[in-house]
Amino acid sequence: MSLVKVRPKGQITLPKKVRDELDLREGDLVEAEVIDGQVVITPKKLVKEDALRRLNSLFERMRERNPHITEEQAIEDALNAIDEHRREQPVVSRDA
């Protein structure tokens, strides 16, 4: 167990061993809550790991087909494909 110091603005530094074990990097999000008088910090991902892997795979395939594609164009193409896919799906009533 490591001892950490609360800084003037309430900031703390997680020990490297903890960051490494949780695969936390600068900019990652964590949730902090008090449970039974203890601070519990839980790593949070905004994107599910599987979805991120599939998206990266899609971008790699796009780059193989067009090595000069920019990241912005790849994102725009992917969003257009998602919109088109959604338009083709039948509308299902939630009341059914």
Protein backbone atom coordinates (compact mmCIF):
# COMPACT_ATOMS: atom_id res chain seq x y z
CA MET A 1 0.00 0.00 0.00
CA SER A 2 1.26 3.47 -0.90
CA LEU A 3 0.75 6.72 0.95
CA VAL A 4 -0.27 9.65 -1.26
CA LYS A 5 -0.48 13.35 -0.41
CA VAL A 6 -3.44 15.56 -1.20
CA ARG A 7 -2.19 18.67 -3.00
CA PRO A 8 -3.52 22.23 -2.49
CA LYS A 9 -6.27 21.88 -5.12
CA GLY A 10 -7.32 18.42 -3.94
CA GLN A 11 -5.17 16.60 -6.50
CA ILE A 12 -3.39 13.35 -5.76
CA THR A 13 -0.82 11.40 -7.73
CA LEU A 14 -1.48 7.71 -8.12
CA PRO A 15 1.69 5.69 -7.61
CA LYS A 16 3.27 4.32 -10.80
CA LYS A 17 2.69 0.75 -9.65
CA VAL A 18 -1.05 1.44 -9.36
CA ARG A 19 -1.19 3.25 -12.74
CA ASP A 20 0.69 0.40 -14.41
CA GLU A 21 -1.49 -2.30 -12.84
CA LEU A 22 -4.66 -0.51 -13.98
CA ASP A 23 -3.16 0.53 -17.35
CA LEU A 24 -3.91 4.19 -16.59
CA ARG A 25 -2.33 6.86 -18.73
CA GLU A 26 -2.40 10.65 -18.73
CA GLY A 27 -5.85 11.83 -19.78
CA ASP A 28 -7.68 8.63 -18.76
CA LEU A 29 -10.83 9.04 -16.71
CA VAL A 30 -11.45 7.57 -13.28
CA GLU A 31 -14.49 7.64 -11.04
CA ALA A 32 -13.94 8.57 -7.39
CA GLU A 33 -16.52 7.74 -4.75
CA VAL A 34 -16.66 7.27 -1.00
CA ILE A 35 -17.70 3.81 0.15
CA ASP A 36 -17.76 3.01 3.86
CA GLY A 37 -15.47 5.94 4.62
CA GLN A 38 -12.89 4.99 1.98
CA VAL A 39 -12.11 6.60 -1.35
CA VAL A 40 -12.57 4.12 -4.18
CA ILE A 41 -11.11 5.06 -7.57
CA THR A 42 -12.39 3.08 -10.57
CA PRO A 43 -10.97 3.43 -14.11
CA LYS A 44 -13.63 4.41 -16.66
CA LYS A 45 -13.53 3.98 -20.41
CA LEU A 46 -15.85 6.01 -22.61
CA VAL A 47 -15.66 3.38 -25.34
CA LYS A 48 -15.95 -0.35 -24.83
CA GLU A 49 -12.63 -2.05 -25.55
CA ASP A 50 -14.19 -4.39 -28.12
CA ALA A 51 -15.81 -1.49 -29.99
CA LEU A 52 -12.51 0.40 -29.99
CA ARG A 53 -10.66 -2.66 -31.37
CA ARG A 54 -13.25 -3.07 -34.13
CA LEU A 55 -13.06 0.64 -35.00
CA ASN A 56 -9.25 0.51 -35.18
CA SER A 57 -9.51 -2.55 -37.43
CA LEU A 58 -11.92 -0.66 -39.68
CA PHE A 59 -9.53 2.29 -39.94
CA GLU A 60 -6.63 -0.04 -40.78
CA ARG A 61 -8.67 -1.62 -43.60
CA MET A 62 -9.56 1.86 -44.87
CA ARG A 63 -5.86 2.82 -44.87
CA GLU A 64 -4.95 -0.37 -46.76
CA ARG A 65 -7.42 0.54 -49.50
CA ASN A 66 -6.40 4.19 -49.54
CA PRO A 67 -3.03 4.87 -47.86
CA HIS A 68 -3.44 8.63 -48.39
CA ILE A 69 -6.74 8.92 -46.49
CA THR A 70 -6.66 11.43 -43.65
CA GLU A 71 -7.94 10.59 -40.19
CA GLU A 72 -10.68 13.20 -40.64
CA GLN A 73 -11.82 11.64 -43.94
CA ALA A 74 -11.76 8.14 -42.44
CA ILE A 75 -13.96 9.32 -39.54
CA GLU A 76 -16.34 11.10 -41.91
CA ASP A 77 -16.60 7.99 -44.12
CA ALA A 78 -17.25 5.79 -41.08
CA LEU A 79 -19.97 8.14 -39.77
CA ASN A 80 -21.61 8.26 -43.19
CA ALA A 81 -21.60 4.45 -43.32
CA ILE A 82 -23.21 4.29 -39.87
CA ASP A 83 -25.91 6.79 -40.92
CA GLU A 84 -26.60 4.80 -44.09
CA HIS A 85 -26.81 1.55 -42.12
CA ARG A 86 -29.27 3.10 -39.65
CA ARG A 87 -31.48 4.38 -42.47
CA GLU A 88 -31.65 0.85 -43.93
CA GLN A 89 -32.74 -0.72 -40.64
CA PRO A 90 -36.47 -1.23 -40.11
CA VAL A 91 -38.02 0.94 -37.39
CA VAL A 92 -39.11 -1.20 -34.45
CA SER A 93 -41.78 0.10 -32.12
CA ARG A 94 -40.87 -0.08 -28.43
CA ASP A 95 -44.56 -0.54 -27.59
CA ALA A 96 -44.70 -3.96 -29.28
